[in-house]
Amino acid sequence: MTQTEPSTLALAVPSGTDLYDALMGAIEPDLVTVRLPLLTQKYKSETTEEHAARMDRYRKAYEEYDRQAEEWMMNFRVLVTACRKEALTTAEKKDKNAESTLLSNIESQLSTRS
């Protein structure tokens, strides 16, 4: 991993609103953040039965959203763990290379003195 990748990774992480809208937009477009303020006007003439049906649809949408959001979070945790492991492995390799170089230099100096 290069030194520029962590900042690239940070930019790739969506905001909470963006993640919510991305997931919810595919589940129930009425419930994305830009449409929420418009719902009262949009459904002002619905009947009691239609309202109840819509509320049930929204409840199911939020249940599905919760499931998908949890799945997204689990996948993100896996990615973060993999990045951490890769960073540690890279640091270990760098340290081993530095130690190897130092030992070679010391051995070279010792053999030159003999």
Protein backbone atom coordinates (compact mmCIF):
# COMPACT_ATOMS: atom_id res chain seq x y z
CA MET A 1 0.00 0.00 0.00
CA THR A 2 1.46 3.35 -0.94
CA GLN A 3 1.34 6.44 1.20
CA THR A 4 -1.36 7.95 -1.01
CA GLU A 5 -3.76 5.04 -0.70
CA PRO A 6 -5.08 5.75 2.83
CA SER A 7 -6.32 9.18 1.75
CA THR A 8 -7.82 7.61 -1.39
CA LEU A 9 -9.56 5.05 0.82
CA ALA A 10 -10.93 7.83 3.03
CA LEU A 11 -12.38 9.54 -0.04
CA ALA A 12 -13.99 6.28 -1.16
CA VAL A 13 -15.96 5.95 2.08
CA PRO A 14 -19.42 7.44 1.53
CA SER A 15 -21.01 9.85 3.97
CA GLY A 16 -23.83 8.47 6.07
CA THR A 17 -26.36 10.30 3.91
CA ASP A 18 -24.82 9.01 0.69
CA LEU A 19 -24.79 5.45 1.97
CA TYR A 20 -28.37 5.72 3.22
CA ASP A 21 -29.57 7.17 -0.09
CA ALA A 22 -27.68 4.59 -2.14
CA LEU A 23 -29.17 1.69 -0.22
CA MET A 24 -32.65 3.12 0.31
CA GLY A 25 -32.93 4.40 -3.27
CA ALA A 26 -32.88 0.82 -4.51
CA ILE A 27 -35.35 -0.31 -1.84
CA GLU A 28 -37.90 2.50 -1.57
CA PRO A 29 -37.21 5.68 -3.56
CA ASP A 30 -39.79 7.65 -1.52
CA LEU A 31 -37.50 7.39 1.50
CA VAL A 32 -34.30 8.93 0.12
CA THR A 33 -33.34 12.10 1.98
CA VAL A 34 -34.25 14.58 -0.76
CA ARG A 35 -37.77 13.16 -1.06
CA LEU A 36 -38.63 12.88 2.64
CA PRO A 37 -39.73 16.53 2.98
CA LEU A 38 -42.02 16.12 -0.04
CA LEU A 39 -44.00 13.11 1.19
CA THR A 40 -46.71 15.03 3.03
CA GLN A 41 -47.59 17.00 -0.10
CA LYS A 42 -47.25 13.99 -2.38
CA TYR A 43 -49.65 11.87 -0.34
CA LYS A 44 -51.98 14.58 1.02
CA SER A 45 -55.06 13.06 -0.60
CA GLU A 46 -54.45 9.39 0.19
CA THR A 47 -57.10 7.45 2.07
CA THR A 48 -56.60 5.96 5.52
CA GLU A 49 -56.21 2.53 3.95
CA GLU A 50 -53.66 3.80 1.42
CA HIS A 51 -51.76 5.53 4.22
CA ALA A 52 -51.68 2.33 6.28
CA ALA A 53 -50.45 0.35 3.27
CA ARG A 54 -47.74 2.95 2.59
CA MET A 55 -46.62 2.88 6.24
CA ASP A 56 -46.39 -0.91 6.07
CA ARG A 57 -44.35 -0.62 2.86
CA TYR A 58 -42.04 1.89 4.56
CA ARG A 59 -41.66 -0.36 7.62
CA LYS A 60 -40.61 -3.23 5.36
CA ALA A 61 -38.28 -0.90 3.47
CA TYR A 62 -36.54 0.11 6.70
CA GLU A 63 -36.19 -3.53 7.72
CA GLU A 64 -34.53 -4.29 4.38
CA TYR A 65 -32.40 -1.16 4.70
CA ASP A 66 -31.19 -2.31 8.14
CA ARG A 67 -30.27 -5.71 6.71
CA GLN A 68 -28.37 -4.22 3.76
CA ALA A 69 -26.65 -1.59 5.91
CA GLU A 70 -25.42 -4.27 8.29
CA GLU A 71 -24.12 -6.30 5.35
CA TRP A 72 -22.34 -3.20 3.99
CA MET A 73 -20.77 -2.55 7.40
CA MET A 74 -19.55 -6.15 7.67
CA ASN A 75 -17.96 -5.91 4.22
CA PHE A 76 -16.38 -2.59 5.17
CA ARG A 77 -14.94 -4.11 8.36
CA VAL A 78 -13.41 -6.91 6.27
CA LEU A 79 -11.84 -4.31 3.96
CA VAL A 80 -10.46 -2.27 6.87
CA THR A 81 -9.03 -5.39 8.50
CA ALA A 82 -7.38 -6.43 5.23
CA CYS A 83 -5.88 -2.95 4.78
CA ARG A 84 -4.54 -3.04 8.35
CA LYS A 85 -3.01 -6.46 7.79
CA GLU A 86 -1.43 -5.32 4.52
CA ALA A 87 -0.01 -2.20 6.20
CA LEU A 88 1.52 -4.28 9.00
CA THR A 89 2.96 -6.79 6.54
CA THR A 90 4.47 -3.99 4.46
CA ALA A 91 6.00 -2.40 7.58
CA GLU A 92 7.43 -5.75 8.68
CA LYS A 93 9.00 -6.33 5.25
CA LYS A 94 10.49 -2.84 5.29
CA ASP A 95 11.95 -3.42 8.77
CA LYS A 96 13.38 -6.80 7.72
CA ASN A 97 14.98 -5.24 4.64
CA ALA A 98 16.49 -2.46 6.75
CA GLU A 99 17.81 -4.98 9.28
CA SER A 100 19.24 -7.11 6.47
CA THR A 101 21.02 -4.12 4.98
CA LEU A 102 22.38 -3.11 8.38
CA LEU A 103 23.63 -6.65 9.07
CA SER A 104 25.28 -6.81 5.65
CA ASN A 105 27.02 -3.50 6.31
CA ILE A 106 28.23 -4.68 9.71
CA GLU A 107 29.47 -7.99 8.26
CA SER A 108 31.23 -6.12 5.46
CA GLN A 109 32.94 -3.80 7.94
CA LEU A 110 33.99 -6.71 10.12
CA SER A 111 35.42 -8.68 7.20
CA THR A 112 37.30 -5.61 5.97
CA ARG A 113 38.99 -5.21 9.38
CA SER A 114 40.15 -8.81 9.49
